[in-house]
Structures are given as structure tokens and as C-alpha cells.
Amino acid sequence: MLDVNPDTVRRLIELARAFHAKEEVVIPEEPDSPSDDWALQSLADHAGDEVFEEFRSIVEDLEPDQQQQVVALFWLGRGDADPLDWQALLRQARDSWNRRTAEYLIVHPFLAEHLTDGLEALGYSDE
């Protein structure tokens, strides 16, 4: 089902946990601004953060369809759909894809848990 190596997703999970565990990371659950760039504004303070930069590098090295799979995996783990709706999630991720996938993902405080749950829902055990 996944064209993304599950070990790559597991590395993203590790990095997301490390990034969100830092005390200085504050990303609002409810954006102060209705504009679409609230995530970028929140991340501006973290430019140069080694963990975030590695996370972004890994995501940006993925092909667009693989980035879309990671987003769909996140949505699956978040409970937006069940594994039977995987193809619909992929279509939705494809339709909403842009070049800021890493930023979109990292601003979600429970990213690591949702990716883990998504992997498990698709039958990839945490090895």
C-alpha cells in the first residue's frame, strides 16, 4: 500500500517527537490568524533548528506522491477515515498537495502519534 519506506516514516516520527518535546516549541492548536500562512509564521522562530531541518529535508527528498502518502497516513492515524478509505485519502492528499508538506505536517502537535497509528492501521507494525 505504501510506496514510502515505513522506516522513513518512523524516522519522521522520531524527529516529530524530538521537535515537539522541545520546551521552546509553541505551535497554537487554534491559529491566531485565519490566513493560510499561520503555520509558516509559527515555524519562523524555528528556522535553523536542526531537528526541524532534518525533518524538512527528509520530506522534501520524497517524491510528491510519497509526500501525499505521508499526509494521507497522518489523516488516517488522526481518524479522518479508516483503512478501507485509503484511496480516497490519497486522492484528497493529491488534490491538496503543495510544496509546504513538511511545514503542514510538523505544526500538528500529535503528528508522531497519528503517523504511528496510521502505520498500524495499514498493517505496518512498529519494529
N, C-alpha and C. Protein backbone atom coordinates (compact mmCIF):
# COMPACT_ATOMS: atom_id res chain seq x y z
N MET A 1 0.80 -1.20 0.00
CA MET A 1 0.00 0.00 0.00
C MET A 1 0.85 1.27 0.00
N LEU A 2 1.94 1.26 0.74
CA LEU A 2 2.79 2.44 0.83
C LEU A 2 3.97 2.33 -0.14
N ASP A 3 4.22 3.41 -0.88
CA ASP A 3 5.43 3.49 -1.68
C ASP A 3 6.54 4.17 -0.90
N VAL A 4 6.20 4.67 0.28
CA VAL A 4 7.17 5.29 1.17
C VAL A 4 7.69 4.19 2.09
N ASN A 5 8.98 4.12 2.24
CA ASN A 5 9.57 3.13 3.14
C ASN A 5 9.06 3.40 4.57
N PRO A 6 8.47 2.41 5.23
CA PRO A 6 7.99 2.61 6.60
C PRO A 6 9.09 3.09 7.54
N ASP A 7 10.34 2.72 7.27
CA ASP A 7 11.44 3.20 8.11
C ASP A 7 11.64 4.71 7.95
N THR A 8 11.37 5.23 6.77
CA THR A 8 11.42 6.68 6.57
C THR A 8 10.34 7.35 7.40
N VAL A 9 9.15 6.78 7.40
CA VAL A 9 8.06 7.33 8.21
C VAL A 9 8.42 7.25 9.69
N ARG A 10 9.02 6.15 10.10
CA ARG A 10 9.44 6.01 11.50
C ARG A 10 10.48 7.07 11.88
N ARG A 11 11.37 7.40 10.95
CA ARG A 11 12.35 8.47 11.23
C ARG A 11 11.64 9.81 11.37
N LEU A 12 10.65 10.06 10.54
CA LEU A 12 9.86 11.29 10.66
C LEU A 12 9.14 11.33 12.01
N ILE A 13 8.68 10.18 12.46
CA ILE A 13 8.02 10.09 13.77
C ILE A 13 9.01 10.46 14.88
N GLU A 14 10.21 9.90 14.81
CA GLU A 14 11.24 10.22 15.82
C GLU A 14 11.55 11.71 15.84
N LEU A 15 11.70 12.28 14.66
CA LEU A 15 12.03 13.70 14.57
C LEU A 15 10.87 14.57 15.06
N ALA A 16 9.65 14.19 14.74
CA ALA A 16 8.48 14.95 15.21
C ALA A 16 8.41 14.92 16.73
N ARG A 17 8.67 13.75 17.31
CA ARG A 17 8.67 13.66 18.78
C ARG A 17 9.75 14.56 19.38
N ALA A 18 10.93 14.53 18.80
CA ALA A 18 12.03 15.36 19.30
C ALA A 18 11.72 16.84 19.15
N PHE A 19 11.15 17.21 18.02
CA PHE A 19 10.83 18.61 17.77
C PHE A 19 9.77 19.11 18.75
N HIS A 20 8.71 18.35 18.92
CA HIS A 20 7.61 18.78 19.79
C HIS A 20 7.94 18.67 21.27
N ALA A 21 8.97 17.92 21.61
CA ALA A 21 9.36 17.79 23.01
C ALA A 21 10.16 19.00 23.50
N LYS A 22 10.66 19.80 22.59
CA LYS A 22 11.45 20.96 22.98
C LYS A 22 10.56 21.99 23.67
N GLU A 23 11.04 22.53 24.75
CA GLU A 23 10.25 23.48 25.54
C GLU A 23 9.90 24.74 24.76
N GLU A 24 10.81 25.18 23.91
CA GLU A 24 10.57 26.44 23.23
C GLU A 24 9.61 26.34 22.05
N VAL A 25 9.23 25.12 21.67
CA VAL A 25 8.31 24.95 20.56
C VAL A 25 6.89 25.19 21.04
N VAL A 26 6.29 26.24 20.49
CA VAL A 26 4.90 26.56 20.81
C VAL A 26 4.18 26.77 19.48
N ILE A 27 3.31 25.85 19.17
CA ILE A 27 2.51 25.96 17.96
C ILE A 27 1.06 25.94 18.41
N PRO A 28 0.32 27.00 18.16
CA PRO A 28 -1.05 27.08 18.66
C PRO A 28 -1.94 26.02 18.06
N GLU A 29 -2.80 25.46 18.90
CA GLU A 29 -3.77 24.49 18.39
C GLU A 29 -4.83 25.20 17.56
N GLU A 30 -5.16 26.43 17.97
CA GLU A 30 -6.07 27.27 17.23
C GLU A 30 -5.27 28.45 16.70
N PRO A 31 -5.17 28.60 15.39
CA PRO A 31 -4.38 29.70 14.85
C PRO A 31 -4.96 31.06 15.24
N ASP A 32 -4.07 32.01 15.52
CA ASP A 32 -4.49 33.38 15.83
C ASP A 32 -4.98 34.09 14.58
N SER A 33 -4.45 33.68 13.46
CA SER A 33 -4.76 34.33 12.19
C SER A 33 -5.51 33.36 11.30
N PRO A 34 -6.54 33.82 10.62
CA PRO A 34 -7.27 32.92 9.72
C PRO A 34 -6.52 32.66 8.41
N SER A 35 -5.42 33.36 8.18
CA SER A 35 -4.70 33.18 6.93
C SER A 35 -4.04 31.81 6.87
N ASP A 36 -3.77 31.36 5.66
CA ASP A 36 -3.17 30.04 5.46
C ASP A 36 -1.71 29.98 5.89
N ASP A 37 -1.09 31.12 6.13
CA ASP A 37 0.33 31.10 6.45
C ASP A 37 0.60 31.08 7.96
N TRP A 38 -0.40 30.79 8.78
CA TRP A 38 -0.18 30.75 10.23
C TRP A 38 0.87 29.71 10.60
N ALA A 39 0.89 28.60 9.89
CA ALA A 39 1.87 27.56 10.19
C ALA A 39 3.28 28.07 9.91
N LEU A 40 3.45 28.77 8.80
CA LEU A 40 4.76 29.31 8.47
C LEU A 40 5.17 30.36 9.49
N GLN A 41 4.23 31.18 9.93
CA GLN A 41 4.53 32.17 10.96
C GLN A 41 4.97 31.49 12.25
N SER A 42 4.29 30.41 12.62
CA SER A 42 4.64 29.68 13.84
C SER A 42 6.02 29.05 13.73
N LEU A 43 6.40 28.60 12.54
CA LEU A 43 7.68 27.94 12.35
C LEU A 43 8.83 28.91 12.14
N ALA A 44 8.52 30.16 11.87
CA ALA A 44 9.58 31.13 11.59
C ALA A 44 10.59 31.21 12.72
N ASP A 45 10.14 31.05 13.97
CA ASP A 45 11.03 31.10 15.12
C ASP A 45 11.96 29.89 15.18
N HIS A 46 11.70 28.88 14.39
CA HIS A 46 12.47 27.64 14.46
C HIS A 46 13.39 27.45 13.26
N ALA A 47 13.55 28.50 12.48
CA ALA A 47 14.48 28.42 11.35
C ALA A 47 15.86 28.08 11.89
N GLY A 48 16.49 27.13 11.27
CA GLY A 48 17.82 26.72 11.72
C GLY A 48 17.80 25.62 12.76
N ASP A 49 16.63 25.25 13.27
CA ASP A 49 16.53 24.15 14.23
C ASP A 49 16.94 22.87 13.51
N GLU A 50 17.96 22.18 14.03
CA GLU A 50 18.50 21.00 13.35
C GLU A 50 17.47 19.89 13.18
N VAL A 51 16.64 19.68 14.19
CA VAL A 51 15.64 18.62 14.10
C VAL A 51 14.62 18.95 13.01
N PHE A 52 14.14 20.19 13.03
CA PHE A 52 13.17 20.61 12.01
C PHE A 52 13.79 20.56 10.63
N GLU A 53 15.02 20.99 10.50
CA GLU A 53 15.69 20.99 9.19
C GLU A 53 15.85 19.57 8.65
N GLU A 54 16.18 18.61 9.53
CA GLU A 54 16.29 17.22 9.07
C GLU A 54 14.92 16.70 8.66
N PHE A 55 13.89 17.01 9.45
CA PHE A 55 12.53 16.60 9.13
C PHE A 55 12.15 17.14 7.74
N ARG A 56 12.37 18.44 7.55
CA ARG A 56 12.02 19.06 6.27
C ARG A 56 12.81 18.44 5.13
N SER A 57 14.09 18.18 5.34
CA SER A 57 14.93 17.60 4.30
C SER A 57 14.41 16.23 3.87
N ILE A 58 14.06 15.41 4.83
CA ILE A 58 13.54 14.08 4.51
C ILE A 58 12.25 14.19 3.70
N VAL A 59 11.34 15.04 4.15
CA VAL A 59 10.06 15.20 3.44
C VAL A 59 10.30 15.74 2.03
N GLU A 60 11.16 16.74 1.91
CA GLU A 60 11.40 17.34 0.60
C GLU A 60 12.13 16.39 -0.35
N ASP A 61 12.86 15.41 0.19
CA ASP A 61 13.53 14.41 -0.65
C ASP A 61 12.56 13.37 -1.20
N LEU A 62 11.38 13.29 -0.62
CA LEU A 62 10.36 12.36 -1.11
C LEU A 62 9.74 12.91 -2.39
N GLU A 63 9.33 12.00 -3.26
CA GLU A 63 8.59 12.40 -4.46
C GLU A 63 7.23 12.96 -4.01
N PRO A 64 6.60 13.82 -4.81
CA PRO A 64 5.29 14.36 -4.42
C PRO A 64 4.26 13.30 -4.05
N ASP A 65 4.21 12.19 -4.80
CA ASP A 65 3.24 11.16 -4.47
C ASP A 65 3.56 10.50 -3.12
N GLN A 66 4.83 10.43 -2.77
CA GLN A 66 5.20 9.89 -1.47
C GLN A 66 4.86 10.87 -0.35
N GLN A 67 5.06 12.16 -0.60
CA GLN A 67 4.65 13.17 0.38
C GLN A 67 3.15 13.08 0.61
N GLN A 68 2.41 12.88 -0.45
CA GLN A 68 0.95 12.75 -0.34
C GLN A 68 0.57 11.53 0.48
N GLN A 69 1.33 10.45 0.34
CA GLN A 69 1.06 9.26 1.13
C GLN A 69 1.31 9.51 2.61
N VAL A 70 2.34 10.28 2.93
CA VAL A 70 2.62 10.60 4.34
C VAL A 70 1.47 11.44 4.91
N VAL A 71 0.99 12.39 4.13
CA VAL A 71 -0.14 13.21 4.58
C VAL A 71 -1.38 12.33 4.78
N ALA A 72 -1.66 11.46 3.82
CA ALA A 72 -2.80 10.56 3.94
C ALA A 72 -2.64 9.64 5.16
N LEU A 73 -1.43 9.20 5.41
CA LEU A 73 -1.15 8.36 6.58
C LEU A 73 -1.43 9.13 7.87
N PHE A 74 -1.03 10.39 7.90
CA PHE A 74 -1.32 11.27 9.04
C PHE A 74 -2.83 11.38 9.24
N TRP A 75 -3.56 11.64 8.17
CA TRP A 75 -5.02 11.77 8.27
C TRP A 75 -5.66 10.46 8.72
N LEU A 76 -5.16 9.34 8.20
CA LEU A 76 -5.67 8.03 8.61
C LEU A 76 -5.47 7.82 10.10
N GLY A 77 -4.28 8.09 10.59
CA GLY A 77 -3.98 7.93 12.00
C GLY A 77 -4.73 8.90 12.89
N ARG A 78 -5.09 10.05 12.33
CA ARG A 78 -5.85 11.05 13.07
C ARG A 78 -7.32 10.65 13.18
N GLY A 79 -7.72 9.68 12.38
CA GLY A 79 -9.10 9.20 12.44
C GLY A 79 -10.02 9.83 11.42
N ASP A 80 -9.46 10.48 10.41
CA ASP A 80 -10.30 11.12 9.39
C ASP A 80 -11.02 10.09 8.52
N ALA A 81 -10.50 8.89 8.47
CA ALA A 81 -11.09 7.81 7.68
C ALA A 81 -10.53 6.50 8.20
N ASP A 82 -11.03 5.41 7.65
CA ASP A 82 -10.48 4.11 8.05
C ASP A 82 -9.69 3.54 6.88
N PRO A 83 -8.95 2.46 7.12
CA PRO A 83 -8.09 1.91 6.06
C PRO A 83 -8.83 1.56 4.76
N LEU A 84 -10.09 1.27 4.85
CA LEU A 84 -10.86 0.97 3.63
C LEU A 84 -10.99 2.20 2.73
N ASP A 85 -10.83 3.38 3.30
CA ASP A 85 -10.93 4.63 2.55
C ASP A 85 -9.56 5.16 2.12
N TRP A 86 -8.55 4.32 2.14
CA TRP A 86 -7.18 4.74 1.85
C TRP A 86 -7.07 5.45 0.49
N GLN A 87 -7.68 4.90 -0.54
CA GLN A 87 -7.60 5.51 -1.87
C GLN A 87 -8.24 6.90 -1.89
N ALA A 88 -9.33 7.07 -1.17
CA ALA A 88 -9.97 8.39 -1.09
C ALA A 88 -9.07 9.38 -0.36
N LEU A 89 -8.40 8.92 0.70
CA LEU A 89 -7.45 9.79 1.40
C LEU A 89 -6.30 10.20 0.49
N LEU A 90 -5.82 9.27 -0.31
CA LEU A 90 -4.73 9.57 -1.24
C LEU A 90 -5.18 10.60 -2.28
N ARG A 91 -6.41 10.46 -2.79
CA ARG A 91 -6.92 11.43 -3.75
C ARG A 91 -7.03 12.82 -3.12
N GLN A 92 -7.53 12.86 -1.89
CA GLN A 92 -7.65 14.13 -1.18
C GLN A 92 -6.27 14.76 -0.96
N ALA A 93 -5.30 13.95 -0.56
CA ALA A 93 -3.94 14.46 -0.35
C ALA A 93 -3.33 14.95 -1.66
N ARG A 94 -3.60 14.24 -2.74
CA ARG A 94 -3.09 14.65 -4.05
C ARG A 94 -3.72 15.99 -4.47
N ASP A 95 -5.02 16.14 -4.22
CA ASP A 95 -5.72 17.36 -4.61
C ASP A 95 -5.27 18.58 -3.79
N SER A 96 -4.81 18.35 -2.57
CA SER A 96 -4.43 19.48 -1.71
C SER A 96 -2.92 19.64 -1.56
N TRP A 97 -2.14 18.86 -2.32
CA TRP A 97 -0.68 18.88 -2.19
C TRP A 97 -0.11 20.24 -2.58
N ASN A 98 0.92 20.66 -1.84
CA ASN A 98 1.71 21.82 -2.22
C ASN A 98 3.14 21.57 -1.74
N ARG A 99 4.02 22.51 -1.99
CA ARG A 99 5.43 22.33 -1.66
C ARG A 99 5.75 22.56 -0.19
N ARG A 100 4.76 22.81 0.63
CA ARG A 100 4.99 23.05 2.06
C ARG A 100 4.52 21.86 2.91
N THR A 101 4.67 20.67 2.40
CA THR A 101 4.21 19.47 3.10
C THR A 101 4.88 19.32 4.46
N ALA A 102 6.17 19.55 4.53
CA ALA A 102 6.89 19.38 5.81
C ALA A 102 6.34 20.35 6.84
N GLU A 103 6.13 21.58 6.45
CA GLU A 103 5.60 22.58 7.38
C GLU A 103 4.18 22.22 7.82
N TYR A 104 3.36 21.78 6.85
CA TYR A 104 1.99 21.37 7.17
C TYR A 104 2.00 20.27 8.23
N LEU A 105 2.85 19.29 8.05
CA LEU A 105 2.87 18.15 8.97
C LEU A 105 3.40 18.53 10.35
N ILE A 106 4.52 19.22 10.41
CA ILE A 106 5.20 19.43 11.69
C ILE A 106 4.42 20.34 12.64
N VAL A 107 3.52 21.15 12.14
CA VAL A 107 2.78 22.04 13.04
C VAL A 107 1.70 21.31 13.83
N HIS A 108 1.47 20.05 13.53
CA HIS A 108 0.48 19.28 14.27
C HIS A 108 1.15 18.61 15.48
N PRO A 109 0.78 19.03 16.68
CA PRO A 109 1.45 18.54 17.89
C PRO A 109 1.39 17.03 18.09
N PHE A 110 0.39 16.37 17.53
CA PHE A 110 0.26 14.93 17.71
C PHE A 110 0.65 14.17 16.44
N LEU A 111 1.48 14.80 15.62
CA LEU A 111 1.91 14.20 14.36
C LEU A 111 2.50 12.81 14.57
N ALA A 112 3.41 12.66 15.52
CA ALA A 112 4.08 11.38 15.74
C ALA A 112 3.07 10.28 16.07
N GLU A 113 2.13 10.58 16.93
CA GLU A 113 1.13 9.58 17.31
C GLU A 113 0.23 9.23 16.13
N HIS A 114 -0.15 10.24 15.36
CA HIS A 114 -1.04 9.98 14.22
C HIS A 114 -0.33 9.18 13.13
N LEU A 115 0.93 9.48 12.87
CA LEU A 115 1.66 8.68 11.88
C LEU A 115 1.84 7.24 12.36
N THR A 116 2.12 7.09 13.65
CA THR A 116 2.25 5.74 14.22
C THR A 116 0.94 4.98 14.07
N ASP A 117 -0.16 5.63 14.42
CA ASP A 117 -1.48 4.99 14.30
C ASP A 117 -1.81 4.67 12.84
N GLY A 118 -1.42 5.56 11.93
CA GLY A 118 -1.65 5.32 10.51
C GLY A 118 -0.88 4.11 10.01
N LEU A 119 0.39 4.00 10.41
CA LEU A 119 1.17 2.82 10.03
C LEU A 119 0.52 1.55 10.54
N GLU A 120 0.11 1.58 11.81
CA GLU A 120 -0.53 0.39 12.40
C GLU A 120 -1.82 0.05 11.69
N ALA A 121 -2.60 1.06 11.31
CA ALA A 121 -3.88 0.82 10.61
C ALA A 121 -3.66 0.14 9.27
N LEU A 122 -2.52 0.42 8.63
CA LEU A 122 -2.22 -0.21 7.35
C LEU A 122 -1.46 -1.52 7.50
N GLY A 123 -1.24 -1.94 8.74
CA GLY A 123 -0.61 -3.23 8.98
C GLY A 123 0.89 -3.21 9.11
N TYR A 124 1.46 -2.03 9.27
CA TYR A 124 2.92 -1.93 9.47
C TYR A 124 3.17 -1.85 10.97
N SER A 125 3.70 -2.94 11.51
CA SER A 125 3.96 -2.97 12.94
C SER A 125 5.16 -2.11 13.27
N ASP A 126 5.20 -1.61 14.50
CA ASP A 126 6.33 -0.78 14.94
C ASP A 126 7.45 -1.73 15.34
N GLU A 127 8.42 -1.86 14.45
CA GLU A 127 9.50 -2.83 14.68
C GLU A 127 10.64 -2.22 15.42
